[in-house]
Structures are given as C-alpha cells and as structure tokens.
C-alpha cells in the first residue's frame, strides 16, 4: 500500500490545494494531508482549526472522502515516517514555487531518503495562494470562488475577530 503526504500550512485551504490532493489520491493508495506550521508566517487560523476545516472540505468531496488529515507536530520527515509515507506530493504554480520547494525537497531526501513529487497545478488556480486569499478578504474582496464552500465564511469571521481585538 503506497502512502503519500500532501503537506502545507492550509491557512486557509484553497481550491488549488484541493486540486493537488485529488490528483495525489489518484496516484497513491492513501493520502494524508499534513497541516504544518510555517515559522516564517503568522497564521490567521490556529492549526487545530485548519485541520478541522481541511477534514470537512475533504470529507464533503467524493474524490477525497477517504483522505486523512493530521497536524504535523515537528519535522515533515518524522511525520512521514510515522504515517508510513513513501513520498511527499507538492503542487507547483510556477517557477517561484519550484525555487522555494526544491531546497526543502532536497533536505527531506538528505534527512530521510524521502522523495518529493512535484505536481503542476491546474492553470485555473495558478494565481490562488492562501496569502493572497487572506489579503483579498482583509479588504472585503470576494474569495468564495477561490476556496471550497464554507471556507470563505471562516476566513471572514477570523479576520473580523482580529479587527475587534485590535
């Protein structure tokens, strides 16, 4: 049985993420979405909420209903070892993604022998990034066509909560 991990911060999960998870599921017997913390970014949603949001989105999609979701507590290679993954699957929107992802893929292989498979993203989602979704939402722009159903409401609520705290 082949197992792959699709890691990311998923802050929030987007239609681009969903596309890559669907395609990974066609290649592997089991796919685990690993919700990770990105030390270089300040997250809008806490990890537990990102996990629950991803679980709900994936469970509602017949192509991904059996995909597991878990938080990555530390190094990705340790998480992959724990779940028995033979590969990491990452989506690429363009050259900048490749430039950012290649060093991580090489480090993961150096640390554990784990291979990374790069999947070109669907052109319809080439402009969709979680950070851009949050930026558009911060200024009241429309995001519901960039994220799975219900995710836009969660993002807007989290942003409203931040505004009321500040």
Protein backbone atom coordinates (compact mmCIF):
# COMPACT_ATOMS: atom_id res chain seq x y z
CA UNK A 1 0.00 0.00 0.00
CA UNK A 2 1.51 3.32 -1.06
CA UNK A 3 1.06 6.32 1.21
CA UNK A 4 1.81 9.94 0.33
CA UNK A 5 1.72 13.10 2.40
CA UNK A 6 0.48 16.41 0.99
CA UNK A 7 1.93 18.97 3.41
CA UNK A 8 1.17 22.65 3.72
CA UNK A 9 0.01 25.33 6.09
CA UNK A 10 -3.51 25.35 4.56
CA UNK A 11 -4.17 28.80 6.06
CA UNK A 12 -6.79 28.56 4.57
CA UNK A 13 -7.28 25.53 2.32
CA UNK A 14 -7.92 26.67 -1.27
CA UNK A 15 -9.26 25.17 -4.48
CA UNK A 16 -5.64 24.84 -5.60
CA UNK A 17 -4.87 22.67 -2.57
CA UNK A 18 -7.96 20.57 -3.23
CA UNK A 19 -6.86 20.03 -6.85
CA UNK A 20 -3.45 18.71 -5.75
CA UNK A 21 -4.94 16.43 -3.07
CA UNK A 22 -7.40 14.98 -5.59
CA UNK A 23 -4.61 14.27 -8.05
CA UNK A 24 -2.37 12.77 -5.36
CA UNK A 25 -5.24 10.49 -4.36
CA UNK A 26 -5.33 9.12 -7.91
CA UNK A 27 -1.61 8.25 -7.68
CA UNK A 28 -1.44 6.74 -4.18
CA UNK A 29 -3.48 4.23 -2.21
CA UNK A 30 -3.58 6.53 0.82
CA UNK A 31 -3.09 10.28 1.09
CA UNK A 32 -2.53 12.14 4.33
CA UNK A 33 -2.87 15.92 4.36
CA UNK A 34 -0.27 17.21 6.80
CA UNK A 35 -1.19 20.58 8.27
CA UNK A 36 2.08 22.22 9.23
CA UNK A 37 3.16 25.37 10.98
CA UNK A 38 5.23 27.77 8.91
CA UNK A 39 7.65 29.54 11.24
CA UNK A 40 8.15 32.34 8.72
CA UNK A 41 4.43 33.22 8.56
CA UNK A 42 1.86 34.43 11.06
CA UNK A 43 -1.17 32.20 10.66
CA UNK A 44 -4.71 33.55 10.56
CA UNK A 45 -6.25 30.28 11.73
CA UNK A 46 -4.87 28.11 14.55
CA UNK A 47 -3.58 24.67 13.49
CA UNK A 48 -6.50 22.83 15.09
CA UNK A 49 -8.99 24.89 13.08
CA UNK A 50 -7.02 24.36 9.86
CA UNK A 51 -7.09 20.59 10.50
CA UNK A 52 -10.85 20.59 11.12
CA UNK A 53 -11.52 22.82 8.12
CA UNK A 54 -9.47 20.54 5.83
CA UNK A 55 -11.21 17.45 7.23
CA UNK A 56 -14.61 18.93 6.50
CA UNK A 57 -13.70 20.06 2.98
CA UNK A 58 -12.14 16.71 2.06
CA UNK A 59 -14.93 14.64 3.61
CA UNK A 60 -17.50 16.55 1.53
CA UNK A 61 -15.73 15.67 -1.75
CA UNK A 62 -16.28 12.13 -3.11
CA UNK A 63 -12.76 12.09 -4.59
CA UNK A 64 -11.12 12.87 -1.24
CA UNK A 65 -13.55 11.50 1.34
CA UNK A 66 -11.00 8.87 2.46
CA UNK A 67 -8.06 11.28 2.74
CA UNK A 68 -6.75 11.59 6.28
CA UNK A 69 -5.80 14.94 7.83
CA UNK A 70 -3.40 15.44 10.73
CA UNK A 71 -1.25 18.17 12.21
CA UNK A 72 2.48 17.90 11.55
CA UNK A 73 3.96 18.43 15.04
CA UNK A 74 7.61 18.82 14.00
CA UNK A 75 9.80 17.82 11.07
CA UNK A 76 7.91 16.69 8.00
CA UNK A 77 10.23 13.69 7.55
CA UNK A 78 9.40 12.46 11.06
CA UNK A 79 5.68 12.82 10.36
CA UNK A 80 6.08 10.94 7.06
CA UNK A 81 7.94 8.16 8.85
CA UNK A 82 5.15 7.93 11.46
CA UNK A 83 2.42 7.55 8.83
CA UNK A 84 4.49 5.24 6.61
CA UNK A 85 4.66 7.63 3.65
CA UNK A 86 6.82 6.76 0.66
CA UNK A 87 6.56 10.24 -0.88
CA UNK A 88 5.64 13.87 -0.38
CA UNK A 89 3.38 15.45 -3.01
CA UNK A 90 3.61 19.20 -3.57
CA UNK A 91 1.80 21.38 -6.07
CA UNK A 92 3.65 23.93 -8.14
CA UNK A 93 2.02 27.03 -9.60
CA UNK A 94 5.15 28.27 -11.30
CA UNK A 95 8.88 28.80 -11.13
CA UNK A 96 8.83 30.69 -7.84
CA UNK A 97 7.14 27.72 -6.15
CA UNK A 98 9.77 25.38 -7.60
CA UNK A 99 12.56 27.65 -6.34
CA UNK A 100 11.05 27.61 -2.84
CA UNK A 101 10.17 23.90 -2.78
CA UNK A 102 13.32 22.37 -4.27
CA UNK A 103 15.62 23.07 -1.28
CA UNK A 104 13.01 21.59 1.07
CA UNK A 105 12.66 18.50 -1.12
CA UNK A 106 16.43 18.05 -1.20
CA UNK A 107 16.69 18.49 2.57
CA UNK A 108 13.92 15.94 3.17
CA UNK A 109 15.71 13.47 0.92
CA UNK A 110 19.01 14.20 2.68
CA UNK A 111 17.47 13.63 6.11
CA UNK A 112 15.46 10.52 5.32
CA UNK A 113 15.66 9.39 1.70
CA UNK A 114 12.05 10.57 1.25
CA UNK A 115 11.26 11.65 -2.29
CA UNK A 116 9.10 14.62 -3.27
CA UNK A 117 6.82 14.52 -6.29
CA UNK A 118 6.02 17.88 -7.83
CA UNK A 119 2.61 18.16 -9.49
CA UNK A 120 1.94 21.11 -11.77
CA UNK A 121 -1.09 22.97 -10.52
CA UNK A 122 -4.17 23.44 -12.64
CA UNK A 123 -3.85 26.71 -14.58
CA UNK A 124 -7.25 27.80 -13.26
CA UNK A 125 -5.67 28.10 -9.81
CA UNK A 126 -2.24 29.45 -10.76
CA UNK A 127 -2.99 32.78 -9.07
CA UNK A 128 -4.55 31.23 -5.95
CA UNK A 129 -2.40 31.31 -2.82
CA UNK A 130 -3.58 31.28 0.78
CA UNK A 131 -1.74 34.52 1.45
CA UNK A 132 -3.49 36.26 -1.45
CA UNK A 133 -6.86 34.88 -0.37
CA UNK A 134 -6.33 36.41 3.08
CA UNK A 135 -5.19 39.72 1.59
CA UNK A 136 -8.24 39.99 -0.66
CA UNK A 137 -10.55 39.07 2.24
CA UNK A 138 -8.89 41.65 4.55
CA UNK A 139 -10.06 44.38 2.20
CA UNK A 140 -13.54 42.96 1.68
CA UNK A 141 -12.88 41.42 -1.72
CA UNK A 142 -14.61 38.27 -2.97
CA UNK A 143 -12.86 34.98 -2.13
CA UNK A 144 -15.62 32.37 -2.35
CA UNK A 145 -14.58 31.37 -5.88
CA UNK A 146 -11.01 30.68 -4.62
CA UNK A 147 -11.80 28.40 -1.70
CA UNK A 148 -14.06 25.39 -1.07
CA UNK A 149 -17.61 26.07 0.20
CA UNK A 150 -17.73 27.43 3.74
CA UNK A 151 -14.05 28.37 3.91
CA UNK A 152 -14.68 31.99 2.94
CA UNK A 153 -17.05 32.40 5.90
CA UNK A 154 -14.39 31.03 8.28
CA UNK A 155 -11.74 33.39 6.90
CA UNK A 156 -14.02 36.43 7.13
CA UNK A 157 -15.01 35.51 10.71
CA UNK A 158 -11.37 35.12 11.73
CA UNK A 159 -10.48 38.47 10.20
CA UNK A 160 -13.44 40.14 11.90
CA UNK A 161 -12.31 38.64 15.20
CA UNK A 162 -8.84 40.07 14.73
CA UNK A 163 -10.23 43.53 13.93
CA UNK A 164 -12.39 43.51 17.05
CA UNK A 165 -9.39 42.51 19.20
CA UNK A 166 -7.19 45.28 17.84
